[in-house]
Amino acid sequence: MTLRAVDFFCGGGGMTCGLRMAGINVLGGLDIAADCRETYEFNNRPSRFVEQDVAGLDAEALGSIFDIRRDAPNLIFVGCSPCQYWSKIRTDRGKSEKSAFLLKEFQRFIDSFLPGFVVLENVPGLRSNPQSYLPHFRDFLKNSGYSFADDVIDTSRYGVPQHRHRYLLVASRTCATVTLPIGDTPTVSVRQVIGEKNGFPRIAAGHADNTNFMHTSAELSALNLRRIQTTPHDGGDRLSWKDDPELQIDAYKGRDDIFKDVYGRIRWDTPAPTITTRFNSLSNGRFGHPEEDRALSLREGACLQTFPKSYRFFGPSRNSVARQIGNAVPPLLARHIGKHLIRLSRHGDI
């Protein structure tokens, strides 16, 4: 029985890419972000990209688009909705509020089709925030005959070279007991993924790579260039220049205990911190290269997210590409999830 999947809120295709690597037939993905279409379709053919606000889509239309039916035991619905509203990272809550309760819309389609499997991936805040819709969603799954397992996982335990904590739920109507994929893969460090030995030539801040590899780094102001030049290699942070009146930032004066990762360098021999949608910006987290005086390049961020080096990214701007990369489910994590779903479908409870 070949598993078939629909990838809700698919973005540039990280989840789709990983499920396909696992051997799952991904029929296509839905997303409201038009700038993700070319990235998704170029890399994941014949999976289709459907540009659609799920709140404006009904079940009959979804069934027609993907030729799916109710109660199909081999059907998977995957939901990785925008998570900014529930994230600990500072965001504009006004802009993200519209997407805060997309889990209700995902539930609506599950209720209509009752697929054999459901996968939900999101930020840990979806589980810990008292305003979250998650408790209602879990009750809905129980009442609809689903068994499920859920927990907060660290993607570094699944071979992703990144400490990325995510809430993961796997549910099934065909298995009496469900487990999450076991995270026992050896840790992968930054050094094993980027750097000259891994095909990343040394570049300066502001380097524009016009090839498909996109080893492109953001420009730095003269002041920020001095800051990164003063920051020690391999994990240094902004505290190294806190007493320099020209380099210190007013907002951080006398506040050494907050946002210590901002302007910091990542470390060679550990997994990277979470790759966010602004990973290409030195001032938005610990995104400085371990030893070169610049922020991570677009391709370095993609590789730390475990996209294949051949994966091509399209978009109207560098920020669009960075957003597609940072928002994605790491394909290697998705592959682990897909392999686990295949085992569940073949052997039942494991």
Protein backbone atom coordinates (compact mmCIF):
# COMPACT_ATOMS: atom_id res chain seq x y z
CA MET A 1 0.00 0.00 0.00
CA THR A 2 1.62 3.22 -1.16
CA LEU A 3 1.02 6.11 1.20
CA ARG A 4 -0.29 9.34 -0.31
CA ALA A 5 0.02 12.72 1.39
CA VAL A 6 -1.34 16.24 1.21
CA ASP A 7 0.99 18.87 2.67
CA PHE A 8 -0.97 21.73 4.20
CA PHE A 9 0.92 25.05 4.63
CA CYS A 10 3.70 23.57 2.50
CA GLY A 11 5.87 26.65 1.93
CA GLY A 12 8.92 25.92 -0.19
CA GLY A 13 8.51 22.17 0.26
CA GLY A 14 10.71 20.98 3.13
CA MET A 15 8.16 18.47 4.42
CA THR A 16 7.19 17.38 0.92
CA CYS A 17 10.86 16.88 0.00
CA GLY A 18 11.52 14.67 3.02
CA LEU A 19 8.34 12.59 2.67
CA ARG A 20 9.17 11.99 -0.98
CA MET A 21 12.70 10.87 0.01
CA ALA A 22 11.04 8.39 2.36
CA GLY A 23 9.01 6.91 -0.49
CA ILE A 24 5.66 8.60 0.10
CA ASN A 25 3.63 9.88 -2.85
CA VAL A 26 2.99 13.54 -2.00
CA LEU A 27 0.06 14.61 -4.13
CA GLY A 28 0.79 18.26 -3.53
CA GLY A 29 0.89 21.13 -1.10
CA LEU A 30 -1.28 24.09 -0.25
CA ASP A 31 -0.02 27.51 0.76
CA ILE A 32 -1.18 31.09 0.51
CA ALA A 33 2.36 32.37 -0.20
CA ALA A 34 2.66 32.78 -3.97
CA ASP A 35 6.43 33.26 -3.82
CA CYS A 36 6.83 29.62 -2.74
CA ARG A 37 5.24 28.14 -5.87
CA GLU A 38 8.27 27.97 -8.16
CA THR A 39 10.54 26.60 -5.42
CA TYR A 40 8.00 23.95 -4.46
CA GLU A 41 7.11 22.79 -7.97
CA PHE A 42 10.62 22.89 -9.48
CA ASN A 43 12.03 20.61 -6.79
CA ASN A 44 9.08 18.33 -6.12
CA ARG A 45 7.45 17.48 -9.44
CA PRO A 46 4.94 15.94 -9.98
CA SER A 47 3.66 17.18 -6.60
CA ARG A 48 1.40 20.17 -7.23
CA PHE A 49 1.48 23.55 -5.51
CA VAL A 50 -1.99 24.93 -4.86
CA GLU A 51 -1.99 28.62 -4.00
CA GLN A 52 -4.91 28.77 -1.61
CA ASP A 53 -6.00 30.23 1.70
CA VAL A 54 -7.31 27.09 3.41
CA ALA A 55 -9.91 29.16 5.26
CA GLY A 56 -11.54 29.81 1.89
CA LEU A 57 -11.38 26.20 0.65
CA ASP A 58 -14.08 23.59 1.17
CA ALA A 59 -13.68 19.85 1.45
CA GLU A 60 -15.32 19.10 -1.89
CA ALA A 61 -12.85 21.35 -3.70
CA LEU A 62 -9.89 19.75 -1.90
CA GLY A 63 -11.13 16.30 -2.85
CA SER A 64 -11.43 17.33 -6.47
CA ILE A 65 -7.99 18.97 -6.59
CA PHE A 66 -6.13 15.94 -5.28
CA ASP A 67 -8.57 13.14 -6.16
CA ILE A 68 -8.88 11.96 -2.56
CA ARG A 69 -11.78 10.34 -0.74
CA ARG A 70 -13.00 9.90 2.82
CA ASP A 71 -11.72 7.07 5.03
CA ALA A 72 -8.68 6.25 2.88
CA PRO A 73 -6.31 4.29 5.15
CA ASN A 74 -3.27 5.21 3.05
CA LEU A 75 -3.94 8.97 3.09
CA ILE A 76 -1.81 11.32 5.20
CA PHE A 77 -2.71 14.90 6.06
CA VAL A 78 0.33 16.92 7.18
CA GLY A 79 -0.14 20.30 8.85
CA CYS A 80 2.78 22.64 9.54
CA SER A 81 0.95 25.94 9.81
CA PRO A 82 2.69 29.30 10.30
CA CYS A 83 3.91 29.41 13.87
CA GLN A 84 5.03 32.97 14.55
CA TYR A 85 2.13 33.71 16.89
CA TRP A 86 3.11 30.90 19.27
CA SER A 87 6.86 31.33 18.96
CA LYS A 88 9.13 32.70 21.70
CA ILE A 89 10.93 34.69 19.02
CA ARG A 90 9.89 38.33 18.89
CA THR A 91 7.29 38.88 16.17
CA ASP A 92 4.59 41.34 15.23
CA ARG A 93 1.62 39.66 16.90
CA GLY A 94 -0.81 41.77 14.89
CA LYS A 95 0.53 40.41 11.62
CA SER A 96 0.68 36.81 12.84
CA GLU A 97 -2.69 36.72 14.62
CA LYS A 98 -4.57 35.76 11.46
CA SER A 99 -2.56 32.55 11.25
CA ALA A 100 -2.77 31.72 14.96
CA PHE A 101 -5.76 29.41 14.69
CA LEU A 102 -5.16 27.68 11.36
CA LEU A 103 -5.19 24.44 13.32
CA LYS A 104 -9.01 24.79 13.34
CA GLU A 105 -8.99 24.84 9.55
CA PHE A 106 -6.71 21.81 9.42
CA GLN A 107 -9.11 20.02 11.76
CA ARG A 108 -12.00 20.84 9.45
CA PHE A 109 -10.39 18.92 6.60
CA ILE A 110 -9.44 16.00 8.83
CA ASP A 111 -13.06 15.82 9.97
CA SER A 112 -14.25 15.75 6.35
CA PHE A 113 -11.82 13.09 5.08
CA LEU A 114 -10.74 11.08 8.15
CA PRO A 115 -7.36 10.18 6.61
CA GLY A 116 -5.48 7.16 7.89
CA PHE A 117 -2.68 9.31 9.29
CA VAL A 118 -2.24 12.85 10.54
CA VAL A 119 1.03 14.66 11.21
CA LEU A 120 1.27 17.99 13.00
CA GLU A 121 4.56 19.90 13.37
CA ASN A 122 4.88 23.30 15.01
CA VAL A 123 6.69 25.35 17.65
CA PRO A 124 6.65 24.10 21.27
CA GLY A 125 4.56 27.12 22.21
CA LEU A 126 1.59 25.51 20.50
CA ARG A 127 1.55 23.04 23.39
CA SER A 128 2.58 25.30 26.28
CA ASN A 129 0.50 28.43 25.59
CA PRO A 130 -2.79 28.33 27.53
CA GLN A 131 -4.59 30.09 24.65
CA SER A 132 -3.59 27.43 22.13
CA TYR A 133 -6.23 25.48 20.24
CA LEU A 134 -4.17 22.29 20.62
CA PRO A 135 -6.16 20.78 23.56
CA HIS A 136 -9.34 21.03 21.47
CA PHE A 137 -7.54 19.46 18.52
CA ARG A 138 -6.29 16.57 20.62
CA ASP A 139 -9.81 15.97 21.97
CA PHE A 140 -11.11 16.02 18.40
CA LEU A 141 -8.61 13.34 17.38
CA LYS A 142 -9.60 11.10 20.29
CA ASN A 143 -13.29 11.51 19.56
CA SER A 144 -12.69 10.75 15.88
CA GLY A 145 -11.05 7.40 16.54
CA TYR A 146 -7.40 8.42 16.29
CA SER A 147 -4.58 7.13 18.43
CA PHE A 148 -1.68 9.52 18.65
CA ALA A 149 1.65 10.32 20.23
CA ASP A 150 3.09 13.79 20.68
CA ASP A 151 6.04 15.50 22.31
CA VAL A 152 8.57 18.27 21.88
CA ILE A 153 11.59 16.96 20.00
CA ASP A 154 15.06 18.32 19.21
CA THR A 155 15.83 17.89 15.52
CA SER A 156 19.54 17.37 16.28
CA ARG A 157 18.57 13.87 17.45
CA TYR A 158 17.36 13.11 13.92
CA GLY A 159 20.57 14.01 12.13
CA VAL A 160 19.70 17.67 11.56
CA PRO A 161 22.77 19.85 12.31
CA GLN A 162 20.64 22.25 14.29
CA HIS A 163 19.11 22.49 17.76
CA ARG A 164 15.56 23.09 16.61
CA HIS A 165 12.92 22.23 19.20
CA ARG A 166 9.58 21.38 17.65
CA TYR A 167 6.23 20.03 18.74
CA LEU A 168 5.47 16.85 16.79
CA LEU A 169 2.24 14.84 16.74
CA VAL A 170 1.64 11.63 14.80
CA ALA A 171 -1.88 10.18 14.71
CA SER A 172 -3.44 7.12 13.09
CA ARG A 173 -6.88 5.57 12.68
CA THR A 174 -5.35 2.24 11.65
CA CYS A 175 -3.03 1.57 14.60
CA ALA A 176 -4.19 1.02 18.17
CA THR A 177 -0.94 2.43 19.53
CA VAL A 178 1.15 5.11 17.87
CA THR A 179 4.71 6.21 18.62
CA LEU A 180 6.90 9.04 17.43
CA PRO A 181 9.94 8.28 15.28
CA ILE A 182 12.91 7.46 17.48
CA GLY A 183 15.57 10.16 17.53
CA ASP A 184 18.80 8.21 17.92
CA THR A 185 20.87 9.48 14.98
CA PRO A 186 24.43 10.57 15.80
CA THR A 187 24.77 14.32 16.25
CA VAL A 188 25.88 16.24 13.17
CA SER A 189 27.94 19.38 13.71
CA VAL A 190 28.19 22.58 11.71
CA ARG A 191 31.72 21.59 10.66
CA GLN A 192 30.35 18.47 8.96
CA VAL A 193 28.01 20.53 6.77
CA ILE A 194 29.49 23.90 5.82
CA GLY A 195 33.01 25.29 5.36
CA GLU A 196 35.53 25.04 2.54
CA LYS A 197 35.90 21.24 2.82
CA ASN A 198 32.16 20.93 2.18
CA GLY A 199 32.12 23.06 -0.95
CA PHE A 200 31.64 26.52 0.53
CA PRO A 201 34.43 28.83 -0.62
CA ARG A 202 35.36 31.73 1.63
CA ILE A 203 33.34 34.84 0.81
CA ALA A 204 33.01 38.34 2.21
CA ALA A 205 29.93 40.06 3.57
CA GLY A 206 27.80 41.28 0.70
CA HIS A 207 28.96 38.57 -1.71
CA ALA A 208 26.36 37.91 -4.43
CA ASP A 209 26.35 34.40 -5.90
CA ASN A 210 24.22 34.50 -9.04
CA THR A 211 24.45 30.75 -9.62
CA ASN A 212 21.84 28.26 -8.48
CA PHE A 213 24.04 27.47 -5.46
CA MET A 214 23.16 30.88 -3.93
CA HIS A 215 26.18 31.14 -1.62
CA THR A 216 25.07 34.72 -1.06
CA SER A 217 25.73 36.72 2.10
CA ALA A 218 24.07 39.90 3.29
CA GLU A 219 25.91 43.21 3.24
CA LEU A 220 27.09 44.63 6.55
CA SER A 221 27.35 48.25 7.57
CA ALA A 222 30.84 49.49 8.43
CA LEU A 223 29.90 49.38 12.13
CA ASN A 224 28.53 45.83 11.99
CA LEU A 225 31.58 44.70 10.05
CA ARG A 226 33.77 46.01 12.88
CA ARG A 227 31.55 44.19 15.38
CA ILE A 228 31.88 40.81 13.69
CA GLN A 229 35.62 41.36 13.18
CA THR A 230 35.94 41.93 16.93
CA THR A 231 33.83 38.89 17.85
CA PRO A 232 35.96 35.82 18.65
CA HIS A 233 35.79 32.93 16.22
CA ASP A 234 33.84 29.76 16.92
CA GLY A 235 31.05 30.87 19.24
CA GLY A 236 32.02 34.41 20.26
CA ASP A 237 29.24 36.82 21.14
CA ARG A 238 28.53 40.54 21.54
CA LEU A 239 29.85 40.58 25.11
CA SER A 240 33.35 40.70 23.60
CA TRP A 241 32.75 44.33 22.58
CA LYS A 242 30.29 45.46 25.24
CA ASP A 243 32.81 47.87 26.77
CA ASP A 244 33.67 49.53 23.47
CA PRO A 245 31.61 52.75 23.40
CA GLU A 246 31.66 52.82 19.59
CA LEU A 247 30.53 49.22 19.12
CA GLN A 248 28.16 48.73 22.05
CA ILE A 249 24.46 49.02 21.21
CA ASP A 250 22.46 51.45 23.34
CA ALA A 251 19.63 48.97 23.98
CA TYR A 252 22.11 46.49 25.52
CA LYS A 253 24.10 48.83 27.74
CA GLY A 254 24.14 47.34 31.24
CA ARG A 255 21.95 44.46 30.00
CA ASP A 256 24.41 41.71 29.32
CA ASP A 257 21.92 39.03 30.30
CA ILE A 258 19.42 39.53 27.45
CA PHE A 259 19.55 38.41 23.82
CA LYS A 260 23.15 37.27 24.17
CA ASP A 261 23.00 35.36 20.90
CA VAL A 262 22.35 38.48 18.82
CA TYR A 263 25.44 39.29 16.70
CA GLY A 264 27.06 36.03 17.84
CA ARG A 265 28.93 33.43 15.82
CA ILE A 266 27.81 29.81 15.54
CA ARG A 267 30.19 27.08 16.70
CA TRP A 268 31.97 24.59 14.46
CA ASP A 269 31.65 21.45 16.54
CA THR A 270 28.04 21.57 17.74
CA PRO A 271 24.73 21.75 15.88
CA ALA A 272 23.68 25.26 14.87
CA PRO A 273 20.96 27.15 16.74
CA THR A 274 17.49 27.28 15.18
CA ILE A 275 17.62 28.55 11.62
CA THR A 276 14.91 31.20 11.52
CA THR A 277 13.49 33.22 8.64
CA ARG A 278 16.14 35.90 9.32
CA PHE A 279 19.15 33.59 9.57
CA ASN A 280 20.97 35.62 6.91
CA SER A 281 20.97 38.69 9.16
CA LEU A 282 23.74 39.16 11.73
CA SER A 283 21.53 41.26 14.00
CA ASN A 284 18.70 38.73 14.31
CA GLY A 285 20.35 35.93 16.26
CA ARG A 286 23.50 33.82 16.51
CA PHE A 287 23.95 33.69 12.75
CA GLY A 288 27.55 34.84 12.33
CA HIS A 289 29.81 32.44 10.45
CA PRO A 290 32.17 30.57 12.82
CA GLU A 291 35.24 32.35 11.46
CA GLU A 292 34.45 34.44 8.37
CA ASP A 293 33.35 38.03 9.02
CA ARG A 294 29.77 37.76 7.81
CA ALA A 295 26.40 36.21 8.47
CA LEU A 296 25.45 32.79 7.10
CA SER A 297 24.85 32.59 3.37
CA LEU A 298 21.53 31.49 1.92
CA ARG A 299 22.92 28.11 0.90
CA GLU A 300 24.60 27.55 4.26
CA GLY A 301 21.25 28.09 5.97
CA ALA A 302 19.57 25.70 3.53
CA CYS A 303 22.16 23.00 4.19
CA LEU A 304 21.84 23.43 7.95
CA GLN A 305 18.13 22.88 7.34
CA THR A 306 19.17 19.68 5.45
CA PHE A 307 17.92 20.72 2.03
CA PRO A 308 19.94 18.91 -0.67
CA LYS A 309 22.57 21.11 -2.28
CA SER A 310 20.73 20.59 -5.58
CA TYR A 311 17.53 22.09 -4.18
CA ARG A 312 16.87 25.34 -6.03
CA PHE A 313 15.24 28.36 -4.45
CA PHE A 314 13.25 31.02 -6.27
CA GLY A 315 11.74 34.22 -5.02
CA PRO A 316 11.46 37.95 -5.66
CA SER A 317 14.16 38.77 -3.07
CA ARG A 318 16.82 37.30 -0.83
CA ASN A 319 14.51 37.81 2.13
CA SER A 320 11.85 35.72 0.37
CA VAL A 321 14.34 32.88 -0.11
CA ALA A 322 15.55 33.15 3.51
CA ARG A 323 11.94 33.02 4.70
CA GLN A 324 11.24 29.88 2.64
CA ILE A 325 14.33 28.22 4.10
CA GLY A 326 13.76 29.26 7.71
CA ASN A 327 10.06 28.38 7.72
CA ALA A 328 10.64 24.90 6.33
CA VAL A 329 10.45 21.60 8.12
CA PRO A 330 13.99 20.17 7.78
CA PRO A 331 13.70 17.58 5.00
CA LEU A 332 15.79 15.07 6.95
CA LEU A 333 13.34 15.25 9.86
CA ALA A 334 10.46 14.85 7.39
CA ARG A 335 12.20 11.78 5.95
CA HIS A 336 12.39 10.23 9.42
CA ILE A 337 8.68 10.94 9.89
CA GLY A 338 7.85 9.45 6.51
CA LYS A 339 9.84 6.26 7.13
CA HIS A 340 8.08 5.91 10.48
CA LEU A 341 4.65 6.28 8.87
CA ILE A 342 5.54 3.59 6.34
CA ARG A 343 6.55 1.22 9.16
CA LEU A 344 3.32 1.95 10.99
CA SER A 345 1.25 1.30 7.89
CA ARG A 346 2.99 -2.03 7.23
CA HIS A 347 3.39 -3.44 10.69
CA GLY A 348 0.81 -1.68 12.82
CA ASP A 349 1.84 -0.89 16.39
CA ILE A 350 5.60 -0.40 16.72
